[in-house]
Protein backbone atom coordinates (compact mmCIF):
# COMPACT_ATOMS: atom_id res chain seq x y z
CA MET A 1 15.20 -59.17 -25.54
CA GLY A 2 18.33 -61.58 -25.70
CA GLU A 3 19.06 -65.28 -26.25
CA ARG A 4 20.64 -68.31 -24.50
CA ILE A 5 23.64 -69.35 -26.08
CA GLU A 6 26.52 -72.10 -25.89
CA PHE A 7 29.87 -71.39 -26.52
CA PRO A 8 33.26 -73.55 -26.26
CA SER A 9 35.68 -73.25 -23.32
CA ASN A 10 38.47 -75.64 -22.02
CA SER A 11 37.19 -78.43 -24.17
CA HIS A 12 33.53 -78.18 -23.06
CA THR A 13 30.49 -76.20 -23.81
CA CYS A 14 29.28 -73.37 -21.74
CA GLN A 15 26.23 -71.50 -21.56
CA GLY A 16 25.25 -67.75 -21.45
CA TYR A 17 22.99 -65.07 -22.27
CA PHE A 18 23.68 -62.83 -25.32
CA ALA A 19 22.03 -59.51 -26.67
CA GLY A 20 22.77 -56.70 -28.70
CA GLN A 21 24.80 -55.23 -31.57
CA GLY A 22 27.90 -53.16 -31.42
CA PRO A 23 31.13 -53.10 -29.43
CA GLY A 24 31.40 -56.13 -27.18
CA ILE A 25 30.97 -56.24 -23.41
CA VAL A 26 31.32 -59.52 -21.05
CA VAL A 27 29.02 -59.24 -18.04
CA ILE A 28 30.16 -61.12 -15.06
CA GLN A 29 27.55 -62.41 -12.47
CA GLU A 30 27.33 -61.63 -8.68
CA TRP A 31 27.50 -64.61 -6.49
CA TRP A 32 23.65 -65.51 -7.04
CA GLY A 33 24.59 -66.87 -10.51
CA LEU A 34 23.13 -65.82 -14.07
CA VAL A 35 20.07 -64.60 -12.62
CA PRO A 36 17.27 -62.31 -14.47
CA HIS A 37 19.06 -59.14 -12.97
CA ILE A 38 22.34 -59.99 -14.87
CA GLU A 39 20.37 -60.75 -18.13
CA GLN A 40 18.67 -57.44 -17.73
CA ILE A 41 22.14 -55.73 -17.48
CA VAL A 42 22.97 -57.62 -20.75
CA ASP A 43 19.72 -56.06 -22.29
CA ARG A 44 20.72 -52.60 -21.11
CA PHE A 45 23.92 -52.90 -22.75
CA ALA A 46 22.19 -54.14 -25.70
CA ALA A 47 19.89 -50.86 -25.61
CA GLU A 48 22.93 -48.49 -25.30
CA GLY A 49 24.33 -49.98 -28.59
CA PHE A 50 26.68 -52.77 -27.38
CA SER A 51 26.73 -56.62 -28.09
CA ALA A 52 26.96 -58.18 -24.64
CA ILE A 53 27.20 -61.65 -23.27
CA ALA A 54 26.90 -63.04 -19.62
CA PRO A 55 28.70 -66.37 -19.32
CA ASP A 56 27.12 -68.67 -16.95
CA LEU A 57 29.95 -69.38 -14.41
CA TYR A 58 27.91 -71.61 -12.03
CA HIS A 59 26.67 -74.10 -15.07
CA GLY A 60 23.14 -73.78 -14.60
CA LYS A 61 23.17 -73.15 -10.78
CA THR A 62 21.54 -70.11 -9.20
CA THR A 63 20.36 -69.11 -5.74
CA THR A 64 18.53 -66.43 -3.63
CA SER A 65 20.08 -67.76 -0.42
CA PRO A 66 23.18 -66.06 0.99
CA ASP A 67 24.33 -69.37 2.39
CA GLU A 68 24.09 -71.15 -0.73
CA ALA A 69 25.70 -68.10 -2.65
CA GLY A 70 28.68 -68.17 -0.48
CA ARG A 71 28.94 -72.17 -0.83
CA LEU A 72 29.03 -71.55 -4.75
CA LEU A 73 31.41 -68.82 -4.66
CA MET A 74 33.89 -70.74 -2.38
CA GLU A 75 33.48 -73.76 -4.89
CA LEU A 76 34.24 -71.68 -8.05
CA ASP A 77 37.69 -71.81 -9.28
CA ALA A 78 38.96 -68.49 -10.40
CA ASP A 79 41.29 -69.73 -12.98
CA ARG A 80 38.37 -71.79 -14.67
CA ALA A 81 36.08 -68.88 -14.42
CA GLU A 82 38.64 -66.61 -16.13
CA LYS A 83 39.09 -68.84 -18.87
CA GLU A 84 35.24 -69.07 -19.50
CA ILE A 85 35.14 -65.25 -19.41
CA ALA A 86 38.01 -65.17 -21.97
CA ALA A 87 36.21 -67.69 -23.94
CA ALA A 88 32.88 -65.87 -23.77
CA GLY A 89 34.69 -62.77 -24.91
CA ALA A 90 36.09 -64.65 -28.12
CA TYR A 91 32.92 -65.99 -28.99
CA LEU A 92 31.30 -62.57 -28.74
CA LEU A 93 34.05 -61.09 -31.04
CA SER A 94 33.23 -63.97 -33.61
CA ARG A 95 29.59 -63.08 -33.64
CA PRO A 96 28.60 -60.72 -36.77
CA GLU A 97 26.72 -58.54 -34.14
CA CYS A 98 30.00 -57.43 -32.34
CA THR A 99 31.60 -54.54 -34.42
CA SER A 100 34.77 -54.17 -32.11
CA LYS A 101 38.28 -55.88 -32.47
CA SER A 102 38.52 -56.10 -28.46
CA TYR A 103 35.92 -56.47 -25.59
CA GLY A 104 35.43 -55.05 -22.22
CA VAL A 105 34.64 -56.69 -18.97
CA VAL A 106 32.24 -55.61 -16.32
CA GLY A 107 31.53 -57.41 -13.10
CA PHE A 108 29.67 -56.96 -9.72
CA CYS A 109 30.81 -58.05 -6.35
CA MET A 110 32.33 -61.82 -7.09
CA GLY A 111 32.05 -60.51 -10.75
CA GLY A 112 33.88 -57.33 -9.98
CA ALA A 113 36.98 -59.15 -8.52
CA LEU A 114 36.82 -61.52 -11.62
CA ALA A 115 36.73 -58.65 -13.86
CA GLN A 116 39.96 -57.38 -11.99
CA TYR A 117 41.39 -60.79 -12.51
CA THR A 118 40.53 -60.94 -16.04
CA ALA A 119 42.03 -57.47 -16.64
CA THR A 120 45.17 -59.05 -15.35
CA LYS A 121 45.09 -62.02 -17.78
CA GLU A 122 43.76 -60.44 -21.12
CA ASN A 123 44.11 -57.07 -22.57
CA VAL A 124 40.72 -55.79 -21.94
CA ALA A 125 39.20 -52.64 -20.64
CA ALA A 126 37.56 -53.48 -17.26
CA VAL A 127 34.88 -52.12 -14.67
CA SER A 128 34.64 -53.33 -11.24
CA PHE A 129 31.78 -52.87 -9.10
CA TYR A 130 32.64 -53.38 -5.57
CA GLY A 131 34.92 -56.29 -6.36
CA GLY A 132 35.32 -58.94 -3.71
CA PHE A 133 36.01 -62.56 -3.79
CA LYS A 134 38.22 -65.26 -2.04
CA LYS A 135 41.99 -64.62 -2.42
CA VAL A 136 43.24 -64.75 -5.99
CA ASP A 137 46.82 -64.11 -7.19
CA LEU A 138 46.39 -60.58 -9.07
CA ASP A 139 49.58 -59.70 -10.84
CA TRP A 140 49.00 -56.16 -11.58
CA THR A 141 52.13 -55.68 -13.60
CA ASN A 142 50.28 -57.55 -16.51
CA LEU A 143 47.38 -54.75 -16.37
CA SER A 144 47.57 -53.04 -19.79
CA ALA A 145 44.13 -51.64 -20.44
CA PRO A 146 42.29 -49.14 -18.56
CA ILE A 147 40.36 -50.06 -15.66
CA LEU A 148 37.37 -48.34 -13.65
CA LEU A 149 36.87 -49.18 -10.03
CA ILE A 150 33.43 -48.50 -8.25
CA TYR A 151 33.00 -48.71 -4.74
CA ALA A 152 30.38 -47.97 -2.01
CA GLU A 153 31.51 -45.62 0.79
CA ASN A 154 29.34 -47.62 3.33
CA ASP A 155 30.26 -51.24 2.00
CA GLN A 156 30.76 -53.43 5.09
CA GLY A 157 31.77 -56.49 2.91
CA VAL A 158 34.24 -54.84 0.70
CA PRO A 159 35.65 -51.86 2.47
CA ILE A 160 36.13 -48.53 0.63
CA GLU A 161 39.46 -48.35 1.86
CA LYS A 162 40.47 -51.36 -0.26
CA GLY A 163 39.29 -49.56 -3.45
CA ARG A 164 41.34 -46.48 -2.49
CA ALA A 165 44.42 -48.62 -1.73
CA LEU A 166 43.99 -50.40 -5.16
CA ALA A 167 43.55 -47.20 -6.97
CA LYS A 168 46.57 -45.71 -5.25
CA GLN A 169 48.90 -48.90 -6.16
CA LEU A 170 47.86 -48.85 -9.62
CA SER A 171 48.37 -45.11 -10.20
CA GLU A 172 51.83 -45.57 -8.63
CA MET A 173 52.36 -48.33 -11.15
CA GLY A 174 51.47 -45.87 -14.05
CA LYS A 175 48.34 -47.68 -14.88
CA ASN A 176 45.40 -46.17 -16.38
CA VAL A 177 42.93 -46.43 -13.51
CA GLN A 178 40.04 -44.32 -12.40
CA LEU A 179 38.29 -44.58 -8.89
CA VAL A 180 34.56 -43.69 -8.19
CA THR A 181 33.06 -43.70 -4.66
CA TYR A 182 29.34 -43.31 -3.86
CA PRO A 183 28.66 -41.67 -0.42
CA ASN A 184 25.49 -43.12 1.51
CA THR A 185 25.60 -46.36 -0.41
CA GLY A 186 26.20 -49.99 0.70
CA HIS A 187 27.36 -53.30 -0.92
CA ALA A 188 25.42 -54.04 -4.15
CA PHE A 189 24.04 -50.61 -4.59
CA PHE A 190 23.56 -51.23 -8.29
CA ASN A 191 21.51 -54.22 -7.93
CA ASP A 192 17.88 -52.97 -8.10
CA THR A 193 16.55 -56.31 -6.81
CA GLY A 194 18.45 -56.13 -3.50
CA GLY A 195 17.95 -54.16 -0.25
CA ASN A 196 20.84 -51.75 -0.74
CA TYR A 197 19.63 -50.49 -4.03
CA ASN A 198 20.57 -46.92 -4.46
CA ALA A 199 18.73 -45.58 -7.73
CA GLU A 200 20.85 -42.19 -7.93
CA ALA A 201 24.14 -43.86 -7.56
CA ALA A 202 23.21 -46.64 -9.79
CA ALA A 203 22.12 -44.37 -12.48
CA ASP A 204 25.36 -42.38 -12.21
CA ALA A 205 27.58 -45.34 -12.20
CA TRP A 206 25.78 -46.94 -15.15
CA LYS A 207 26.49 -43.44 -17.12
CA LYS A 208 30.08 -43.80 -16.23
CA THR A 209 30.35 -47.20 -17.19
CA ILE A 210 28.81 -46.66 -20.61
CA ALA A 211 30.99 -43.67 -21.17
CA PHE A 212 34.10 -45.89 -19.94
CA PHE A 213 33.29 -48.27 -22.57
CA ARG A 214 32.52 -46.28 -25.56
CA ALA A 215 35.89 -44.55 -24.79
CA ASN A 216 37.96 -47.84 -24.30
CA VAL A 217 36.43 -50.56 -26.48
CA SER A 218 36.75 -50.48 -30.32
């Protein structure tokens, strides 16, 4: 349904996967890389009437090994990744298929944390699924667009308490934040290729994500 594309960032060329027509969404990968599951999410956004792009933050590398994924994650520079996400968003806005003047970002696990980070750097609406990453300096005073935080109640890697504390902090700062939690779910419950996939929670989270972007990206 989509196509592999190239776009400029930081004086070099990056790759990504693009599909659709409508308001712009940048999809940020899990720690596995730009794998078919992420491409399928881009396709799903296209089917919902969005134009979407997933930048390849690992520059061609993918893995199915948790150990290798952990190594790739630790080697990833958050600032470089954020600049490439922003460049992907700028490229998206330049395409004739994109009908919005702004773009949104959505990410999963590592990508969820990078979606949070991007939201503090760019004026973009963000959806963060169980965001977890090595420590990055998040300056939430710079958050100016709405953010939707999605967490799993039984997540052993990214504890639900982290999501609740973040939502409370942002609310007290006067930020536009929504928190959605799902009982009886574990980490990566949205990924239908993994062992923690929860179809009911994933369907509801997708519905809420689409509604959020329809309301906040134009």
